Amino acid sequence: MTNYVLSDATRAKFKKISTASIATALFKRGLRNQFIQGVVPVAAKADTMVGQAFTLRYIVAREDRNPITVFRNADHPQRLAIETCPAGHVLVMDSRKDARAATAGSILITRLALRGAAGVVTDGGFRDAAGIGALDMPAYYARPSAPTNLTLHEAIDINVPISCGDVAVFPGDVLVGDRDGVMVIPAHLAEELADECAAMESFEDFVLEQVKAGETVIGLYPLTKDEHSENYEMWRQTHGR
């Protein structure tokens, strides 16, 4: 478990950074598999999801261990995860990429949102997806799913390393989610990536403006011509970037 604590300043930087820029920065460092596969926003949000990971791991349910009465247990891991995920964190669920049964529903996710979580991600399904999508808190899933998690999943571990959508997620990793999906940033790289990606976003805004004005991408993206470098520096000064 990491000792890293995401600062408000770094969180604010990531709020303005796309998952695409993060993917490129991680690729430069040899990390190719940090985009959670197979998950989409339950509903598109204007605000980017940023927070450190708090994890919940499911295993295959065994019938003698998972009658519906287990929900009466005060220490049921699914309920505990909802009630102990710290404010500002993202609850990330390892549902084994199995959306045939839901990993949570709107009542639990509403409680999570009201407790101040930054978001929720599962590589499985949600029941009552419309209610979850109506929340201000960002949520990501594979698809809607009505059956209770007990039919296929047993919540077994809280805040341990997990796999979510074929990505290793460690407690404290930084998750950034936009309309494209969710990137997982190893905690020890968060600060340097925030600064690097902020610069990348600035340059790409400049490039997009140039392309819309009719400029060719050759020599511009990637930047290989001096004239574009000079134009970019003038653009930065003009726009305060």
Protein backbone atom coordinates (compact mmCIF):
# COMPACT_ATOMS: atom_id res chain seq x y z
CA MET A 1 0.00 0.00 0.00
CA THR A 2 1.34 3.40 -0.96
CA ASN A 3 1.94 6.31 1.40
CA TYR A 4 1.26 8.74 -1.43
CA VAL A 5 -1.50 11.29 -0.83
CA LEU A 6 -3.02 13.03 -3.85
CA SER A 7 -2.89 16.79 -3.26
CA ASP A 8 -5.66 19.18 -4.22
CA ALA A 9 -3.27 20.89 -6.63
CA THR A 10 -2.39 17.65 -8.43
CA ARG A 11 -6.03 16.58 -8.49
CA ALA A 12 -6.89 19.90 -10.15
CA LYS A 13 -4.23 19.32 -12.81
CA PHE A 14 -5.57 15.86 -13.65
CA LYS A 15 -9.09 17.29 -13.91
CA LYS A 16 -7.91 19.07 -17.07
CA ILE A 17 -6.00 16.12 -18.57
CA SER A 18 -7.41 13.52 -20.95
CA THR A 19 -6.95 9.78 -20.61
CA ALA A 20 -5.32 9.87 -24.06
CA SER A 21 -2.54 12.17 -22.86
CA ILE A 22 -1.99 10.01 -19.78
CA ALA A 23 -1.80 6.87 -21.93
CA THR A 24 0.89 8.44 -24.10
CA ALA A 25 2.93 9.61 -21.10
CA LEU A 26 2.76 6.16 -19.52
CA PHE A 27 3.71 4.51 -22.82
CA LYS A 28 6.86 6.65 -22.92
CA ARG A 29 7.75 5.03 -19.59
CA GLY A 30 7.14 1.52 -20.91
CA LEU A 31 3.68 1.11 -19.35
CA ARG A 32 1.37 -0.13 -22.11
CA ASN A 33 -1.52 -1.62 -20.18
CA GLN A 34 -3.00 1.03 -17.88
CA PHE A 35 -6.33 1.66 -19.63
CA ILE A 36 -9.14 -0.34 -18.01
CA GLN A 37 -10.60 -2.46 -20.78
CA GLY A 38 -14.29 -2.95 -21.38
CA VAL A 39 -15.71 -0.22 -19.13
CA VAL A 40 -17.69 2.86 -20.15
CA PRO A 41 -19.34 5.70 -18.27
CA VAL A 42 -22.76 4.83 -16.90
CA ALA A 43 -23.61 8.37 -17.98
CA ALA A 44 -21.35 11.02 -19.46
CA LYS A 45 -20.24 13.66 -16.96
CA ALA A 46 -18.80 17.10 -17.58
CA ASP A 47 -16.36 16.65 -14.69
CA THR A 48 -13.34 14.35 -15.00
CA MET A 49 -13.07 11.64 -12.35
CA VAL A 50 -9.85 11.86 -10.32
CA GLY A 51 -9.05 9.96 -7.15
CA GLN A 52 -6.90 7.34 -5.50
CA ALA A 53 -7.98 3.72 -5.64
CA PHE A 54 -9.80 1.97 -2.81
CA THR A 55 -10.42 -1.60 -3.93
CA LEU A 56 -12.94 -4.40 -3.56
CA ARG A 57 -12.25 -7.90 -4.87
CA TYR A 58 -14.90 -10.43 -5.86
CA ILE A 59 -14.37 -14.15 -6.41
CA VAL A 60 -16.69 -16.75 -7.91
CA ALA A 61 -19.66 -17.30 -5.61
CA ARG A 62 -20.15 -20.68 -3.98
CA GLU A 63 -23.79 -21.40 -3.19
CA ASP A 64 -23.33 -22.55 0.40
CA ARG A 65 -21.48 -19.32 1.25
CA ASN A 66 -23.74 -16.81 -0.48
CA PRO A 67 -27.41 -17.08 0.48
CA ILE A 68 -29.24 -13.75 0.48
CA THR A 69 -29.04 -13.73 4.28
CA VAL A 70 -25.34 -12.82 4.15
CA PHE A 71 -26.39 -9.22 3.58
CA ARG A 72 -27.51 -9.19 7.22
CA ASN A 73 -23.86 -9.46 8.28
CA ALA A 74 -22.53 -6.13 9.53
CA ASP A 75 -19.08 -7.04 8.25
CA HIS A 76 -20.11 -8.03 4.72
CA PRO A 77 -17.19 -6.83 2.52
CA GLN A 78 -19.38 -5.22 -0.13
CA ARG A 79 -21.16 -3.10 2.47
CA LEU A 80 -17.92 -2.37 4.33
CA ALA A 81 -16.31 -1.13 1.13
CA ILE A 82 -19.15 1.33 0.62
CA GLU A 83 -18.92 2.54 4.22
CA THR A 84 -15.11 2.74 4.48
CA CYS A 85 -14.01 4.07 1.08
CA PRO A 86 -12.40 7.42 2.00
CA ALA A 87 -13.82 10.67 0.66
CA GLY A 88 -12.07 11.72 -2.54
CA HIS A 89 -11.15 8.13 -3.44
CA VAL A 90 -12.45 5.94 -6.24
CA LEU A 91 -13.96 2.57 -5.33
CA VAL A 92 -12.55 0.09 -7.86
CA MET A 93 -14.13 -3.36 -8.07
CA ASP A 94 -12.58 -6.52 -9.46
CA SER A 95 -15.65 -8.31 -10.80
CA ARG A 96 -13.66 -10.73 -12.95
CA LYS A 97 -15.02 -8.99 -16.08
CA ASP A 98 -18.31 -10.81 -15.44
CA ALA A 99 -21.39 -8.61 -15.87
CA ARG A 100 -23.93 -11.44 -15.71
CA ALA A 101 -24.64 -10.35 -12.14
CA ALA A 102 -24.42 -6.86 -10.70
CA THR A 103 -21.58 -5.83 -8.42
CA ALA A 104 -23.70 -3.09 -6.82
CA GLY A 105 -26.90 -1.14 -7.30
CA SER A 106 -28.14 2.42 -7.01
CA ILE A 107 -28.76 2.37 -3.25
CA LEU A 108 -25.18 1.41 -2.38
CA ILE A 109 -23.65 3.67 -5.01
CA THR A 110 -25.81 6.58 -3.85
CA ARG A 111 -24.51 6.02 -0.33
CA LEU A 112 -20.96 5.97 -1.70
CA ALA A 113 -21.57 9.26 -3.52
CA LEU A 114 -23.06 10.92 -0.45
CA ARG A 115 -20.00 9.88 1.57
CA GLY A 116 -17.88 11.95 -0.81
CA ALA A 117 -16.27 9.34 -3.06
CA ALA A 118 -14.72 10.66 -6.27
CA GLY A 119 -16.13 7.84 -8.37
CA VAL A 120 -16.68 4.10 -8.81
CA VAL A 121 -15.38 1.63 -11.38
CA THR A 122 -16.31 -2.01 -11.96
CA ASP A 123 -15.38 -4.35 -14.79
CA GLY A 124 -18.75 -6.02 -14.18
CA GLY A 125 -22.31 -4.75 -14.14
CA PHE A 126 -24.51 -2.40 -12.13
CA ARG A 127 -28.18 -2.88 -11.38
CA ASP A 128 -30.46 0.18 -11.36
CA ALA A 129 -28.01 1.78 -13.78
CA ALA A 130 -30.29 4.70 -14.57
CA GLY A 131 -30.25 5.76 -10.92
CA ILE A 132 -26.47 5.50 -10.79
CA GLY A 133 -26.17 7.50 -14.00
CA ALA A 134 -28.29 10.28 -12.49
CA LEU A 135 -25.78 10.85 -9.67
CA ASP A 136 -23.24 13.67 -9.93
CA MET A 137 -20.47 11.18 -9.06
CA PRO A 138 -18.85 9.54 -12.11
CA ALA A 139 -19.41 5.79 -12.46
CA TYR A 140 -17.97 3.28 -14.94
CA TYR A 141 -19.14 -0.25 -15.72
CA ALA A 142 -19.29 -2.92 -18.40
CA ARG A 143 -23.08 -2.84 -18.82
CA PRO A 144 -26.39 -2.93 -16.91
CA SER A 145 -27.12 -6.14 -15.01
CA ALA A 146 -30.17 -6.95 -12.88
CA PRO A 147 -29.26 -10.12 -10.88
CA THR A 148 -27.79 -9.62 -7.41
CA ASN A 149 -24.06 -10.12 -7.08
CA LEU A 150 -24.70 -13.11 -4.79
CA THR A 151 -25.75 -15.25 -7.74
CA LEU A 152 -22.24 -15.19 -9.22
CA HIS A 153 -19.88 -13.11 -7.06
CA GLU A 154 -18.64 -13.17 -3.49
CA ALA A 155 -17.11 -9.97 -2.12
CA ILE A 156 -14.00 -11.27 -0.40
CA ASP A 157 -11.28 -8.60 0.08
CA ILE A 158 -11.10 -4.86 0.70
CA ASN A 159 -8.21 -2.59 -0.29
CA VAL A 160 -5.88 -5.21 -1.70
CA PRO A 161 -4.20 -5.32 -5.13
CA ILE A 162 -6.76 -6.32 -7.76
CA SER A 163 -7.28 -6.69 -11.47
CA CYS A 164 -9.92 -4.49 -13.08
CA GLY A 165 -10.47 -4.74 -16.82
CA ASP A 166 -7.11 -6.50 -17.24
CA VAL A 167 -5.22 -3.74 -15.40
CA ALA A 168 -3.41 -4.20 -12.09
CA VAL A 169 -4.80 -1.72 -9.57
CA PHE A 170 -3.01 -1.15 -6.27
CA PRO A 171 -4.57 0.72 -3.36
CA GLY A 172 -3.54 4.36 -3.67
CA ASP A 173 -3.00 4.34 -7.44
CA VAL A 174 -4.48 7.41 -9.11
CA LEU A 175 -7.45 6.87 -11.42
CA VAL A 176 -8.47 9.39 -14.05
CA GLY A 177 -11.72 8.85 -15.93
CA ASP A 178 -13.21 10.83 -18.80
CA ARG A 179 -15.74 10.05 -21.52
CA ASP A 180 -13.29 7.65 -23.19
CA GLY A 181 -12.69 5.52 -20.11
CA VAL A 182 -10.36 5.13 -17.13
CA MET A 183 -6.57 5.23 -16.80
CA VAL A 184 -4.69 3.81 -13.82
CA ILE A 185 -1.59 5.78 -12.82
CA PRO A 186 0.93 4.14 -10.46
CA ALA A 187 1.08 6.38 -7.40
CA HIS A 188 4.83 7.02 -7.65
CA LEU A 189 4.37 8.53 -11.12
CA ALA A 190 1.39 10.75 -10.38
CA GLU A 191 3.19 14.02 -9.71
CA GLU A 192 5.49 13.95 -12.72
CA LEU A 193 2.69 12.81 -15.04
CA ALA A 194 0.42 15.63 -13.90
CA ASP A 195 3.01 18.21 -14.91
CA GLU A 196 4.04 16.48 -18.13
CA CYS A 197 0.48 15.87 -19.30
CA ALA A 198 -0.57 19.43 -18.55
CA ALA A 199 2.12 20.55 -21.01
CA MET A 200 0.93 17.93 -23.52
CA GLU A 201 -2.64 19.21 -23.29
CA SER A 202 -1.42 22.74 -23.96
CA PHE A 203 0.51 21.67 -27.06
CA GLU A 204 -2.37 19.57 -28.40
CA ASP A 205 -4.76 22.50 -28.01
CA PHE A 206 -2.35 24.51 -30.14
CA VAL A 207 -2.08 21.72 -32.72
CA LEU A 208 -5.85 21.31 -32.97
CA GLU A 209 -6.25 25.05 -33.51
CA GLN A 210 -3.66 24.91 -36.29
CA VAL A 211 -5.26 21.88 -37.95
CA LYS A 212 -8.69 23.52 -37.88
CA ALA A 213 -7.09 26.50 -39.62
CA GLY A 214 -5.91 24.20 -42.43
CA GLU A 215 -2.36 23.34 -41.34
CA THR A 216 -0.89 19.96 -42.31
CA VAL A 217 0.07 17.60 -39.48
CA ILE A 218 3.42 16.79 -41.11
CA GLY A 219 6.08 18.56 -39.12
CA LEU A 220 3.47 19.79 -36.66
CA TYR A 221 2.38 16.61 -34.91
CA PRO A 222 4.83 15.36 -33.83
CA LEU A 223 6.65 18.67 -33.74
CA THR A 224 9.69 18.53 -36.05
CA LYS A 225 9.70 21.93 -37.76
CA ASP A 226 11.30 24.96 -36.09
CA GLU A 227 8.66 27.31 -37.44
CA HIS A 228 5.96 25.45 -35.52
CA SER A 229 8.05 25.54 -32.35
CA GLU A 230 8.30 29.31 -32.65
CA ASN A 231 4.58 29.62 -33.36
CA TYR A 232 3.78 27.45 -30.34
CA GLU A 233 5.89 29.60 -28.02
CA MET A 234 4.09 32.71 -29.22
CA TRP A 235 0.74 30.92 -28.80
CA ARG A 236 1.64 29.96 -25.22
CA GLN A 237 2.52 33.53 -24.32
CA THR A 238 -0.69 34.83 -25.88
CA HIS A 239 -2.87 32.25 -24.10
CA GLY A 240 -0.97 32.15 -20.81
CA ARG A 241 -0.30 28.43 -21.17
